[in-house]
């Protein structure tokens, strides 16, 4: 076969190419996801603006002046405004973090995508439980029925909001750091199960798999060592404290 004939045959094969039957469905799903994302951004912007206006009106209606001319407001008003701001922050960042984290989850659990999807759902539950629990811990019920000086005591709620945002950031950083380790453990287990199921027909181990197994063992021994060291320190502190009290 001449070069010209090969070229003609190759072009004919290209003309006969048929796209994947689910290509249109995947494109349509991607467009729908983009539309939902834009609608969510619109609703979030409108809700944030409406909440800011409502909070300003509420604060304006309840604020007053003390005998010395200082601005005062009921504690429950400040607590309500800060709590709603925290809840809004959770509801805004939660879906966006999930959307941006999907490629990372897919890469971490590339050997077992269904487990990655289940892990992401559990991670969402942990995210909301952790942050809503943080909101309850940072509440100031002792100040709800008191008049609060905005100049002196208002920093309590400002600091509470700052601490909440720092905790969100630290939790997110911890998740990013922990995910590769979790991926290593999971990939190691998946490879072991597949080799066990294959039996004698399993292919020889690759150098990359061997290196990953060594990293996993090192991490396991490191965690076990830190746990043992923590237990010994705790026992030592309790023993020294008992000796001093005696």
C-alpha atoms as a PDB file:
ATOM      1  CA  UNK A   1       0.000   0.000   0.000  1.00  0.00           C
ATOM      2  CA  UNK A   2       1.389   3.356  -1.029  1.00  0.00           C
ATOM      3  CA  UNK A   3       1.661   6.384   1.214  1.00  0.00           C
ATOM      4  CA  UNK A   4      -1.178   8.088  -0.651  1.00  0.00           C
ATOM      5  CA  UNK A   5      -3.485   5.115  -0.131  1.00  0.00           C
ATOM      6  CA  UNK A   6      -2.657   4.997   3.580  1.00  0.00           C
ATOM      7  CA  UNK A   7      -3.410   8.696   3.897  1.00  0.00           C
ATOM      8  CA  UNK A   8      -6.754   8.304   2.126  1.00  0.00           C
ATOM      9  CA  UNK A   9      -7.693   5.365   4.366  1.00  0.00           C
ATOM     10  CA  UNK A  10      -6.759   7.315   7.484  1.00  0.00           C
ATOM     11  CA  UNK A  11      -8.887  10.282   6.386  1.00  0.00           C
ATOM     12  CA  UNK A  12     -11.822   7.975   5.677  1.00  0.00           C
ATOM     13  CA  UNK A  13     -11.497   6.528   9.207  1.00  0.00           C
ATOM     14  CA  UNK A  14     -11.526  10.058  10.602  1.00  0.00           C
ATOM     15  CA  UNK A  15     -14.700  10.822   8.643  1.00  0.00           C
ATOM     16  CA  UNK A  16     -16.324   7.665  10.004  1.00  0.00           C
ATOM     17  CA  UNK A  17     -15.527   8.624  13.622  1.00  0.00           C
ATOM     18  CA  UNK A  18     -18.572   8.668  15.883  1.00  0.00           C
ATOM     19  CA  UNK A  19     -18.526  10.486  19.201  1.00  0.00           C
ATOM     20  CA  UNK A  20     -19.205   8.725  22.458  1.00  0.00           C
ATOM     21  CA  UNK A  21     -22.946   8.122  22.914  1.00  0.00           C
ATOM     22  CA  UNK A  22     -22.885   9.802  26.314  1.00  0.00           C
ATOM     23  CA  UNK A  23     -20.927  12.864  25.116  1.00  0.00           C
ATOM     24  CA  UNK A  24     -24.046  14.978  24.655  1.00  0.00           C
ATOM     25  CA  UNK A  25     -25.350  13.924  28.073  1.00  0.00           C
ATOM     26  CA  UNK A  26     -22.047  14.870  29.722  1.00  0.00           C
ATOM     27  CA  UNK A  27     -21.953  18.261  27.971  1.00  0.00           C
ATOM     28  CA  UNK A  28     -25.576  18.913  28.893  1.00  0.00           C
ATOM     29  CA  UNK A  29     -24.887  17.949  32.517  1.00  0.00           C
ATOM     30  CA  UNK A  30     -21.879  20.276  32.607  1.00  0.00           C
ATOM     31  CA  UNK A  31     -23.944  23.169  31.243  1.00  0.00           C
ATOM     32  CA  UNK A  32     -26.679  22.485  33.791  1.00  0.00           C
ATOM     33  CA  UNK A  33     -24.112  22.495  36.598  1.00  0.00           C
ATOM     34  CA  UNK A  34     -22.824  25.866  35.385  1.00  0.00           C
ATOM     35  CA  UNK A  35     -26.363  27.236  35.301  1.00  0.00           C
ATOM     36  CA  UNK A  36     -27.003  26.004  38.839  1.00  0.00           C
ATOM     37  CA  UNK A  37     -23.733  27.565  39.966  1.00  0.00           C
ATOM     38  CA  UNK A  38     -24.680  30.938  38.467  1.00  0.00           C
ATOM     39  CA  UNK A  39     -28.138  30.769  40.051  1.00  0.00           C
ATOM     40  CA  UNK A  40     -26.544  29.947  43.403  1.00  0.00           C
ATOM     41  CA  UNK A  41     -24.206  32.930  43.099  1.00  0.00           C
ATOM     42  CA  UNK A  42     -27.157  35.195  42.288  1.00  0.00           C
ATOM     43  CA  UNK A  43     -29.173  33.939  45.257  1.00  0.00           C
ATOM     44  CA  UNK A  44     -26.168  34.215  47.572  1.00  0.00           C
ATOM     45  CA  UNK A  45     -25.504  37.806  46.495  1.00  0.00           C
ATOM     46  CA  UNK A  46     -29.167  38.746  46.890  1.00  0.00           C
ATOM     47  CA  UNK A  47     -29.406  37.005  50.269  1.00  0.00           C
ATOM     48  CA  UNK A  48     -26.203  38.644  51.523  1.00  0.00           C
ATOM     49  CA  UNK A  49     -27.432  42.084  50.510  1.00  0.00           C
ATOM     50  CA  UNK A  50     -30.861  41.497  52.066  1.00  0.00           C
ATOM     51  CA  UNK A  51     -29.280  40.187  55.282  1.00  0.00           C
ATOM     52  CA  UNK A  52     -26.933  43.146  55.540  1.00  0.00           C
ATOM     53  CA  UNK A  53     -29.830  45.576  55.078  1.00  0.00           C
ATOM     54  CA  UNK A  54     -31.973  43.736  57.642  1.00  0.00           C
ATOM     55  CA  UNK A  55     -29.115  43.636  60.173  1.00  0.00           C
ATOM     56  CA  UNK A  56     -28.457  47.341  59.697  1.00  0.00           C
ATOM     57  CA  UNK A  57     -32.125  48.185  60.169  1.00  0.00           C
ATOM     58  CA  UNK A  58     -32.373  45.986  63.277  1.00  0.00           C
ATOM     59  CA  UNK A  59     -29.253  47.509  64.798  1.00  0.00           C
ATOM     60  CA  UNK A  60     -30.472  50.992  63.947  1.00  0.00           C
ATOM     61  CA  UNK A  61     -33.847  50.321  65.573  1.00  0.00           C
ATOM     62  CA  UNK A  62     -32.408  48.934  68.823  1.00  0.00           C
ATOM     63  CA  UNK A  63     -29.331  51.094  69.298  1.00  0.00           C
ATOM     64  CA  UNK A  64     -29.452  53.934  71.851  1.00  0.00           C
ATOM     65  CA  UNK A  65     -27.187  56.309  73.795  1.00  0.00           C
ATOM     66  CA  UNK A  66     -26.085  56.021  77.386  1.00  0.00           C
ATOM     67  CA  UNK A  67     -25.991  58.892  79.882  1.00  0.00           C
ATOM     68  CA  UNK A  68     -22.392  59.543  78.811  1.00  0.00           C
ATOM     69  CA  UNK A  69     -23.339  59.585  75.139  1.00  0.00           C
ATOM     70  CA  UNK A  70     -21.909  56.148  74.319  1.00  0.00           C
ATOM     71  CA  UNK A  71     -23.655  53.852  71.885  1.00  0.00           C
ATOM     72  CA  UNK A  72     -25.328  50.839  73.494  1.00  0.00           C
ATOM     73  CA  UNK A  73     -27.295  47.908  72.059  1.00  0.00           C
ATOM     74  CA  UNK A  74     -29.002  44.800  73.467  1.00  0.00           C
ATOM     75  CA  UNK A  75     -26.672  41.827  73.658  1.00  0.00           C
ATOM     76  CA  UNK A  76     -29.154  39.523  71.961  1.00  0.00           C
ATOM     77  CA  UNK A  77     -29.185  41.746  68.878  1.00  0.00           C
ATOM     78  CA  UNK A  78     -25.412  41.533  68.445  1.00  0.00           C
ATOM     79  CA  UNK A  79     -25.490  37.787  69.104  1.00  0.00           C
ATOM     80  CA  UNK A  80     -28.245  37.308  66.518  1.00  0.00           C
ATOM     81  CA  UNK A  81     -26.433  39.340  63.860  1.00  0.00           C
ATOM     82  CA  UNK A  82     -23.091  37.564  64.368  1.00  0.00           C
ATOM     83  CA  UNK A  83     -24.729  34.120  64.465  1.00  0.00           C
ATOM     84  CA  UNK A  84     -26.613  34.769  61.228  1.00  0.00           C
ATOM     85  CA  UNK A  85     -23.377  36.014  59.647  1.00  0.00           C
ATOM     86  CA  UNK A  86     -21.621  32.784  60.659  1.00  0.00           C
ATOM     87  CA  UNK A  87     -24.455  30.612  59.338  1.00  0.00           C
ATOM     88  CA  UNK A  88     -24.443  32.554  56.057  1.00  0.00           C
ATOM     89  CA  UNK A  89     -20.688  32.056  55.774  1.00  0.00           C
ATOM     90  CA  UNK A  90     -21.114  28.300  56.251  1.00  0.00           C
ATOM     91  CA  UNK A  91     -23.906  28.071  53.683  1.00  0.00           C
ATOM     92  CA  UNK A  92     -21.925  30.104  51.153  1.00  0.00           C
ATOM     93  CA  UNK A  93     -18.540  28.436  51.550  1.00  0.00           C
ATOM     94  CA  UNK A  94     -19.781  24.862  52.044  1.00  0.00           C
ATOM     95  CA  UNK A  95     -21.072  24.207  48.492  1.00  0.00           C
ATOM     96  CA  UNK A  96     -18.158  26.107  46.933  1.00  0.00           C
ATOM     97  CA  UNK A  97     -15.561  24.146  48.894  1.00  0.00           C
ATOM     98  CA  UNK A  98     -17.304  20.940  47.889  1.00  0.00           C
ATOM     99  CA  UNK A  99     -17.349  21.954  44.220  1.00  0.00           C
ATOM    100  CA  UNK A 100     -13.683  22.977  44.218  1.00  0.00           C
ATOM    101  CA  UNK A 101     -12.667  19.878  46.175  1.00  0.00           C
ATOM    102  CA  UNK A 102     -14.210  17.355  43.766  1.00  0.00           C
ATOM    103  CA  UNK A 103     -11.073  17.071  41.560  1.00  0.00           C
ATOM    104  CA  UNK A 104      -8.897  16.526  44.652  1.00  0.00           C
ATOM    105  CA  UNK A 105     -11.229  13.809  45.973  1.00  0.00           C
ATOM    106  CA  UNK A 106     -11.288  12.165  42.543  1.00  0.00           C
ATOM    107  CA  UNK A 107      -7.481  12.154  42.443  1.00  0.00           C
ATOM    108  CA  UNK A 108      -7.109  10.834  45.997  1.00  0.00           C
ATOM    109  CA  UNK A 109      -9.609   7.995  45.441  1.00  0.00           C
ATOM    110  CA  UNK A 110      -8.777   7.345  41.782  1.00  0.00           C
ATOM    111  CA  UNK A 111      -8.581   3.578  42.417  1.00  0.00           C
ATOM    112  CA  UNK A 112     -12.074   3.503  43.934  1.00  0.00           C
ATOM    113  CA  UNK A 113     -14.276   6.473  42.849  1.00  0.00           C
ATOM    114  CA  UNK A 114     -17.470   5.255  44.634  1.00  0.00           C
ATOM    115  CA  UNK A 115     -15.631   5.348  47.974  1.00  0.00           C
ATOM    116  CA  UNK A 116     -14.499   8.895  47.146  1.00  0.00           C
ATOM    117  CA  UNK A 117     -18.107   9.999  46.671  1.00  0.00           C
ATOM    118  CA  UNK A 118     -19.145   8.435  49.969  1.00  0.00           C
ATOM    119  CA  UNK A 119     -16.154   9.993  51.722  1.00  0.00           C
ATOM    120  CA  UNK A 120     -17.105  13.421  50.349  1.00  0.00           C
ATOM    121  CA  UNK A 121     -20.616  13.097  51.794  1.00  0.00           C
ATOM    122  CA  UNK A 122     -19.182  12.170  55.208  1.00  0.00           C
ATOM    123  CA  UNK A 123     -16.767  15.096  54.937  1.00  0.00           C
ATOM    124  CA  UNK A 124     -19.716  17.432  54.302  1.00  0.00           C
ATOM    125  CA  UNK A 125     -21.461  16.182  57.445  1.00  0.00           C
ATOM    126  CA  UNK A 126     -18.275  16.639  59.497  1.00  0.00           C
ATOM    127  CA  UNK A 127     -17.840  20.155  58.052  1.00  0.00           C
ATOM    128  CA  UNK A 128     -21.318  21.283  59.108  1.00  0.00           C
ATOM    129  CA  UNK A 129     -21.202  19.571  62.515  1.00  0.00           C
ATOM    130  CA  UNK A 130     -17.811  21.093  63.331  1.00  0.00           C
ATOM    131  CA  UNK A 131     -18.756  24.639  62.352  1.00  0.00           C
ATOM    132  CA  UNK A 132     -22.247  24.659  63.875  1.00  0.00           C
ATOM    133  CA  UNK A 133     -20.745  23.263  67.074  1.00  0.00           C
ATOM    134  CA  UNK A 134     -18.204  26.086  66.962  1.00  0.00           C
ATOM    135  CA  UNK A 135     -21.075  28.591  66.744  1.00  0.00           C
ATOM    136  CA  UNK A 136     -22.663  27.154  69.895  1.00  0.00           C
ATOM    137  CA  UNK A 137     -19.346  27.212  71.773  1.00  0.00           C
ATOM    138  CA  UNK A 138     -18.722  30.864  70.947  1.00  0.00           C
ATOM    139  CA  UNK A 139     -22.129  32.103  72.101  1.00  0.00           C
ATOM    140  CA  UNK A 140     -22.362  34.582  74.995  1.00  0.00           C
ATOM    141  CA  UNK A 141     -25.723  33.799  76.687  1.00  0.00           C
ATOM    142  CA  UNK A 142     -24.709  35.760  79.790  1.00  0.00           C
ATOM    143  CA  UNK A 143     -24.863  38.987  77.754  1.00  0.00           C
ATOM    144  CA  UNK A 144     -28.112  38.396  75.902  1.00  0.00           C
ATOM    145  CA  UNK A 145     -30.287  40.312  78.377  1.00  0.00           C
ATOM    146  CA  UNK A 146     -27.765  43.096  78.988  1.00  0.00           C
ATOM    147  CA  UNK A 147     -27.081  46.429  77.338  1.00  0.00           C
ATOM    148  CA  UNK A 148     -23.698  46.289  75.641  1.00  0.00           C
ATOM    149  CA  UNK A 149     -21.387  49.243  75.032  1.00  0.00           C
ATOM    150  CA  UNK A 150     -20.438  49.006  71.366  1.00  0.00           C
ATOM    151  CA  UNK A 151     -17.148  50.797  71.911  1.00  0.00           C
ATOM    152  CA  UNK A 152     -15.949  48.562  74.769  1.00  0.00           C
ATOM    153  CA  UNK A 153     -17.806  45.257  74.555  1.00  0.00           C
ATOM    154  CA  UNK A 154     -18.476  45.061  70.829  1.00  0.00           C
ATOM    155  CA  UNK A 155     -15.028  43.523  70.324  1.00  0.00           C
ATOM    156  CA  UNK A 156     -16.332  40.302  71.886  1.00  0.00           C
ATOM    157  CA  UNK A 157     -18.490  39.589  68.844  1.00  0.00           C
ATOM    158  CA  UNK A 158     -15.862  40.893  66.427  1.00  0.00           C
ATOM    159  CA  UNK A 159     -13.314  38.559  68.000  1.00  0.00           C
ATOM    160  CA  UNK A 160     -15.840  35.734  67.906  1.00  0.00           C
ATOM    161  CA  UNK A 161     -16.309  36.226  64.168  1.00  0.00           C
ATOM    162  CA  UNK A 162     -12.542  36.357  63.622  1.00  0.00           C
ATOM    163  CA  UNK A 163     -11.962  33.173  65.635  1.00  0.00           C
ATOM    164  CA  UNK A 164     -14.720  31.437  63.690  1.00  0.00           C
ATOM    165  CA  UNK A 165     -13.108  32.345  60.358  1.00  0.00           C
ATOM    166  CA  UNK A 166      -9.696  31.217  61.618  1.00  0.00           C
ATOM    167  CA  UNK A 167     -11.187  27.875  62.694  1.00  0.00           C
ATOM    168  CA  UNK A 168     -12.761  27.453  59.271  1.00  0.00           C
ATOM    169  CA  UNK A 169      -9.400  28.085  57.635  1.00  0.00           C
ATOM    170  CA  UNK A 170      -7.525  25.737  59.959  1.00  0.00           C
ATOM    171  CA  UNK A 171     -10.099  22.992  59.429  1.00  0.00           C
ATOM    172  CA  UNK A 172      -9.795  23.410  55.672  1.00  0.00           C
ATOM    173  CA  UNK A 173      -5.982  23.288  55.829  1.00  0.00           C
ATOM    174  CA  UNK A 174      -6.103  20.179  58.016  1.00  0.00           C
ATOM    175  CA  UNK A 175      -8.425  18.497  55.511  1.00  0.00           C
ATOM    176  CA  UNK A 176      -6.132  19.312  52.588  1.00  0.00           C
ATOM    177  CA  UNK A 177      -3.115  17.984  54.490  1.00  0.00           C
ATOM    178  CA  UNK A 178      -4.894  14.816  55.638  1.00  0.00           C
ATOM    179  CA  UNK A 179      -6.445  13.862  52.290  1.00  0.00           C
ATOM    180  CA  UNK A 180      -3.215  12.649  50.613  1.00  0.00           C
ATOM    181  CA  UNK A 181      -2.448  10.506  53.658  1.00  0.00           C
ATOM    182  CA  UNK A 182      -5.952   9.045  53.565  1.00  0.00           C
ATOM    183  CA  UNK A 183      -5.491   8.438  49.844  1.00  0.00           C
ATOM    184  CA  UNK A 184      -2.267   6.537  50.468  1.00  0.00           C
ATOM    185  CA  UNK A 185      -3.933   4.294  53.067  1.00  0.00           C
ATOM    186  CA  UNK A 186      -6.946   3.663  50.854  1.00  0.00           C
ATOM    187  CA  UNK A 187      -4.878   2.952  47.730  1.00  0.00           C
ATOM    188  CA  UNK A 188      -2.714   0.545  49.718  1.00  0.00           C
ATOM    189  CA  UNK A 189      -5.776  -1.360  50.937  1.00  0.00           C
ATOM    190  CA  UNK A 190      -7.309  -1.447  47.458  1.00  0.00           C
ATOM    191  CA  UNK A 191      -4.102  -2.782  45.920  1.00  0.00           C
ATOM    192  CA  UNK A 192      -3.785  -5.458  48.601  1.00  0.00           C
ATOM    193  CA  UNK A 193      -7.389  -6.589  48.129  1.00  0.00           C
ATOM    194  CA  UNK A 194      -7.038  -6.735  44.366  1.00  0.00           C
ATOM    195  CA  UNK A 195      -3.795  -8.730  44.589  1.00  0.00           C
ATOM    196  CA  UNK A 196      -5.432 -11.099  47.081  1.00  0.00           C
ATOM    197  CA  UNK A 197      -8.400 -11.575  44.747  1.00  0.00           C
ATOM    198  CA  UNK A 198      -6.081 -12.149  41.755  1.00  0.00           C
ATOM    199  CA  UNK A 199      -4.084 -14.745  43.682  1.00  0.00           C
ATOM    200  CA  UNK A 200      -1.205 -16.269  41.751  1.00  0.00           C
ATOM    201  CA  UNK A 201      -2.260 -14.401  38.630  1.00  0.00           C
ATOM    202  CA  UNK A 202      -1.464 -11.019  40.176  1.00  0.00           C
ATOM    203  CA  UNK A 203       1.142  -9.007  38.256  1.00  0.00           C
ATOM    204  CA  UNK A 204       4.485  -8.248  39.927  1.00  0.00           C
ATOM    205  CA  UNK A 205       4.637  -5.240  42.211  1.00  0.00           C
ATOM    206  CA  UNK A 206       5.745  -1.987  40.614  1.00  0.00           C
ATOM    207  CA  UNK A 207       8.395   0.268  42.084  1.00  0.00           C
ATOM    208  CA  UNK A 208       5.829   3.021  42.630  1.00  0.00           C
ATOM    209  CA  UNK A 209       3.549   0.689  44.585  1.00  0.00           C
ATOM    210  CA  UNK A 210       6.451  -0.508  46.722  1.00  0.00           C
ATOM    211  CA  UNK A 211       7.431   3.087  47.506  1.00  0.00           C
ATOM    212  CA  UNK A 212       3.836   3.947  48.412  1.00  0.00           C
ATOM    213  CA  UNK A 213       3.690   0.925  50.739  1.00  0.00           C
ATOM    214  CA  UNK A 214       6.876   2.079  52.474  1.00  0.00           C
ATOM    215  CA  UNK A 215       5.427   5.560  52.954  1.00  0.00           C
ATOM    216  CA  UNK A 216       2.239   4.084  54.410  1.00  0.00           C
ATOM    217  CA  UNK A 217       4.207   1.932  56.867  1.00  0.00           C
ATOM    218  CA  UNK A 218       6.307   4.939  57.874  1.00  0.00           C
ATOM    219  CA  UNK A 219       3.186   7.009  58.533  1.00  0.00           C
ATOM    220  CA  UNK A 220       1.583   4.213  60.555  1.00  0.00           C
ATOM    221  CA  UNK A 221       4.672   3.785  62.718  1.00  0.00           C
ATOM    222  CA  UNK A 222       4.953   7.561  63.130  1.00  0.00           C
ATOM    223  CA  UNK A 223       1.331   7.867  64.292  1.00  0.00           C
ATOM    224  CA  UNK A 224       1.770   4.917  66.655  1.00  0.00           C
ATOM    225  CA  UNK A 225       4.938   6.473  68.076  1.00  0.00           C
ATOM    226  CA  UNK A 226       3.270   9.844  68.623  1.00  0.00           C
ATOM    227  CA  UNK A 227       0.294   8.153  70.307  1.00  0.00           C
ATOM    228  CA  UNK A 228       2.591   6.186  72.623  1.00  0.00           C
ATOM    229  CA  UNK A 229       4.608   9.306  73.426  1.00  0.00           C
ATOM    230  CA  UNK A 230       1.415  11.229  74.218  1.00  0.00           C
ATOM    231  CA  UNK A 231       0.254   8.473  76.566  1.00  0.00           C
ATOM    232  CA  UNK A 232       3.620   8.413  78.346  1.00  0.00           C
ATOM    233  CA  UNK A 233       3.611  12.201  78.740  1.00  0.00           C
ATOM    234  CA  UNK A 234       0.058  12.148  80.113  1.00  0.00           C
ATOM    235  CA  UNK A 235       0.936   9.381  82.583  1.00  0.00           C
ATOM    236  CA  UNK A 236       4.069  11.263  83.616  1.00  0.00           C
ATOM    237  CA  UNK A 237       2.150  14.498  84.182  1.00  0.00           C
ATOM    238  CA  UNK A 238      -0.489  12.704  86.248  1.00  0.00           C
ATOM    239  CA  UNK A 239       2.192  10.896  88.290  1.00  0.00           C
ATOM    240  CA  UNK A 240       4.164  14.089  88.965  1.00  0.00           C
ATOM    241  CA  UNK A 241       0.977  15.930  89.855  1.00  0.00           C
ATOM    242  CA  UNK A 242      -0.010  13.169  92.283  1.00  0.00           C
ATOM    243  CA  UNK A 243       3.424  13.213  93.900  1.00  0.00           C
ATOM    244  CA  UNK A 244       3.333  16.997  94.333  1.00  0.00           C
ATOM    245  CA  UNK A 245      -0.183  16.908  95.816  1.00  0.00           C
ATOM    246  CA  UNK A 246       0.848  14.165  98.211  1.00  0.00           C
END
